[in-house]
Amino acid sequence: MSESLPVRAPIYVRHFDKLVDLALAAITVVVFVAGALATFVQTPWDGAIQLALVLAVLVLFRRRWPMLVLLLSVAAIVVYHLSSWSPAGWIWPASVAYFTAAATPRVRWVAALGIAQLIYSAIDARWIIDRNLTRYLIHTVGEGLLLAVLIGAGLAYAATLRWQGRQHSAG
């Protein structure tokens, strides 16, 4: 009877993934609305807050359905930009979804979806060329670089998890 009861991990350790997802959802709302306001969106109630909330809810499901979350995030961003023009960005609002989906075996689909979104973004913002070519280039090249960084980070994260799994199983 000298056996002790197993020690359970603290609650914050057991629910760490859920806490991270909640934090990412909150950060998504705050950063997207702040970014929209910083890009001179007239009123955030015309769609920015709604899109931020949709993206935040989708972040909560990113571990279970990463590709579906990415597709729905991109669809929500397209609908937002179709309803009214906004300089709030195309790729960065879905950064969490792109990173998570890039860590899956479907990384080619992630890249294809991102490139399609970038092409549509470049076409949608073509009117900026006449007014400010530098701004247009920063917009398109910056979003493209961000997409590359997110996909690269997702791939690196997946490789690290595989390596840790091999180390754990070998040792």
Protein backbone atom coordinates (compact mmCIF):
# COMPACT_ATOMS: atom_id res chain seq x y z
CA MET A 1 0.00 0.00 0.00
CA SER A 2 2.95 2.29 -0.23
CA GLU A 3 2.11 3.12 -3.86
CA SER A 4 1.24 6.73 -4.33
CA LEU A 5 -1.52 7.98 -6.55
CA PRO A 6 -0.43 9.10 -10.00
CA VAL A 7 0.20 12.80 -10.15
CA ARG A 8 -1.95 14.57 -12.71
CA ALA A 9 -0.48 17.36 -14.71
CA PRO A 10 -1.69 20.84 -13.77
CA ILE A 11 -4.79 22.02 -15.59
CA TYR A 12 -2.88 24.55 -17.71
CA VAL A 13 -0.67 21.74 -19.02
CA ARG A 14 -3.60 19.41 -19.77
CA HIS A 15 -5.45 22.13 -21.66
CA PHE A 16 -2.47 23.94 -23.16
CA ASP A 17 -3.61 23.39 -26.77
CA LYS A 18 -7.04 24.85 -26.04
CA LEU A 19 -5.50 27.84 -24.26
CA VAL A 20 -3.18 28.48 -27.22
CA ASP A 21 -6.11 28.33 -29.63
CA LEU A 22 -8.13 30.74 -27.48
CA ALA A 23 -5.17 33.12 -27.32
CA LEU A 24 -4.68 32.92 -31.10
CA ALA A 25 -8.39 33.58 -31.64
CA ALA A 26 -8.26 36.66 -29.40
CA ILE A 27 -5.09 37.89 -31.09
CA THR A 28 -6.74 37.39 -34.49
CA VAL A 29 -9.65 39.64 -33.53
CA VAL A 30 -7.50 42.36 -32.00
CA VAL A 31 -4.85 42.42 -34.73
CA PHE A 32 -7.28 42.29 -37.64
CA VAL A 33 -9.50 45.07 -36.29
CA ALA A 34 -6.45 47.16 -35.39
CA GLY A 35 -4.96 46.52 -38.83
CA ALA A 36 -8.21 47.49 -40.52
CA LEU A 37 -8.36 50.70 -38.50
CA ALA A 38 -4.70 51.42 -39.26
CA THR A 39 -5.44 51.15 -42.98
CA PHE A 40 -8.15 53.77 -42.64
CA VAL A 41 -11.24 51.57 -42.84
CA GLN A 42 -14.07 54.05 -42.27
CA THR A 43 -15.91 52.03 -39.65
CA PRO A 44 -15.01 48.54 -38.43
CA TRP A 45 -18.70 47.66 -38.16
CA ASP A 46 -18.96 47.51 -41.96
CA GLY A 47 -17.42 44.07 -41.97
CA ALA A 48 -14.02 44.16 -40.26
CA ILE A 49 -15.30 43.09 -36.86
CA GLN A 50 -17.53 40.41 -38.37
CA LEU A 51 -14.65 38.98 -40.41
CA ALA A 52 -12.36 39.08 -37.38
CA LEU A 53 -14.92 37.12 -35.35
CA VAL A 54 -15.42 34.55 -38.14
CA LEU A 55 -11.65 34.06 -38.43
CA ALA A 56 -11.34 33.75 -34.65
CA VAL A 57 -14.03 31.07 -34.48
CA LEU A 58 -12.35 29.19 -37.31
CA VAL A 59 -9.02 29.29 -35.44
CA LEU A 60 -10.65 27.26 -32.67
CA PHE A 61 -11.13 24.36 -35.14
CA ARG A 62 -7.75 24.55 -36.83
CA ARG A 63 -6.26 21.44 -35.19
CA ARG A 64 -9.11 19.15 -36.17
CA TRP A 65 -9.76 20.41 -39.73
CA PRO A 66 -6.79 22.52 -40.88
CA MET A 67 -7.60 22.52 -44.61
CA LEU A 68 -11.29 23.25 -44.07
CA VAL A 69 -10.39 26.11 -41.75
CA LEU A 70 -8.02 27.51 -44.38
CA LEU A 71 -10.62 27.23 -47.15
CA LEU A 72 -13.33 28.87 -45.04
CA SER A 73 -10.90 31.61 -43.91
CA VAL A 74 -9.95 32.42 -47.50
CA ALA A 75 -13.62 32.37 -48.52
CA ALA A 76 -14.51 34.75 -45.70
CA ILE A 77 -11.69 37.12 -46.69
CA VAL A 78 -12.81 37.07 -50.34
CA VAL A 79 -16.42 37.80 -49.33
CA TYR A 80 -15.19 40.65 -47.10
CA HIS A 81 -13.18 42.20 -49.92
CA LEU A 82 -16.00 41.72 -52.44
CA SER A 83 -18.50 43.50 -50.21
CA SER A 84 -16.34 46.63 -49.99
CA TRP A 85 -12.77 47.41 -50.91
CA SER A 86 -10.41 47.34 -47.99
CA PRO A 87 -6.64 47.67 -47.78
CA ALA A 88 -6.72 45.35 -44.75
CA GLY A 89 -4.85 42.55 -46.50
CA TRP A 90 -5.50 39.16 -48.02
CA ILE A 91 -2.97 36.70 -46.60
CA TRP A 92 -2.15 37.98 -43.12
CA PRO A 93 -5.70 37.74 -41.73
CA ALA A 94 -5.51 33.98 -42.32
CA SER A 95 -1.93 33.59 -41.05
CA VAL A 96 -2.83 31.06 -38.36
CA ALA A 97 -4.82 28.97 -40.85
CA TYR A 98 -2.00 29.05 -43.43
CA PHE A 99 0.62 28.04 -40.85
CA THR A 100 -1.50 25.19 -39.49
CA ALA A 101 -2.47 23.86 -42.92
CA ALA A 102 1.16 24.09 -44.13
CA ALA A 103 2.13 21.70 -41.33
CA THR A 104 -0.05 19.00 -42.89
CA PRO A 105 0.84 16.69 -45.78
CA ARG A 106 -1.33 18.85 -48.10
CA VAL A 107 1.21 21.66 -48.29
CA ARG A 108 1.00 21.83 -52.10
CA TRP A 109 -2.70 22.64 -51.86
CA VAL A 110 -1.91 25.30 -49.29
CA ALA A 111 0.62 26.89 -51.64
CA ALA A 112 -1.78 26.68 -54.59
CA LEU A 113 -4.59 28.29 -52.60
CA GLY A 114 -2.25 31.02 -51.38
CA ILE A 115 -0.98 31.76 -54.88
CA ALA A 116 -4.54 31.90 -56.20
CA GLN A 117 -5.43 34.30 -53.40
CA LEU A 118 -2.38 36.44 -54.18
CA ILE A 119 -3.25 36.60 -57.87
CA TYR A 120 -6.80 37.64 -57.08
CA SER A 121 -5.46 40.19 -54.59
CA ALA A 122 -3.11 41.65 -57.20
CA ILE A 123 -5.95 41.90 -59.73
CA ASP A 124 -8.31 43.41 -57.18
CA ALA A 125 -5.76 46.08 -56.22
CA ARG A 126 -4.67 46.91 -59.79
CA TRP A 127 -6.24 50.37 -59.59
CA ILE A 128 -3.53 51.30 -57.07
CA ILE A 129 -0.90 51.06 -59.85
CA ASP A 130 -2.02 54.37 -61.37
CA ARG A 131 -1.94 56.17 -58.04
CA ASN A 132 0.97 54.62 -56.17
CA LEU A 133 3.06 51.89 -57.79
CA THR A 134 5.27 51.52 -54.72
CA ARG A 135 2.28 50.81 -52.50
CA TYR A 136 1.02 48.21 -54.99
CA LEU A 137 4.40 46.45 -55.07
CA ILE A 138 4.69 46.50 -51.29
CA HIS A 139 1.19 45.06 -51.07
CA THR A 140 1.70 42.22 -53.53
CA VAL A 141 5.33 41.37 -52.75
CA GLY A 142 4.79 41.72 -49.00
CA GLU A 143 1.79 39.39 -48.99
CA GLY A 144 3.72 36.93 -51.18
CA LEU A 145 6.69 36.96 -48.82
CA LEU A 146 4.39 36.49 -45.85
CA LEU A 147 2.80 33.48 -47.56
CA ALA A 148 6.25 31.98 -48.19
CA VAL A 149 7.27 32.56 -44.56
CA LEU A 150 4.06 31.00 -43.22
CA ILE A 151 4.40 27.92 -45.43
CA GLY A 152 8.08 27.59 -44.54
CA ALA A 153 7.34 27.92 -40.83
CA GLY A 154 4.57 25.31 -41.10
CA LEU A 155 6.92 22.90 -42.87
CA ALA A 156 9.65 23.51 -40.28
CA TYR A 157 7.18 22.92 -37.44
CA ALA A 158 5.98 19.65 -39.00
CA ALA A 159 9.59 18.50 -39.52
CA THR A 160 10.40 19.31 -35.90
CA LEU A 161 7.41 17.29 -34.67
CA ARG A 162 8.45 14.32 -36.84
CA TRP A 163 12.02 14.55 -35.56
CA GLN A 164 10.84 14.71 -31.94
CA GLY A 165 8.63 11.68 -32.57
CA ARG A 166 11.56 9.70 -33.91
CA GLN A 167 13.74 10.77 -30.98
CA HIS A 168 11.04 9.80 -28.49
CA SER A 169 10.42 6.40 -30.08
CA ALA A 170 14.16 5.64 -30.30
CA GLY A 171 14.95 6.63 -26.75
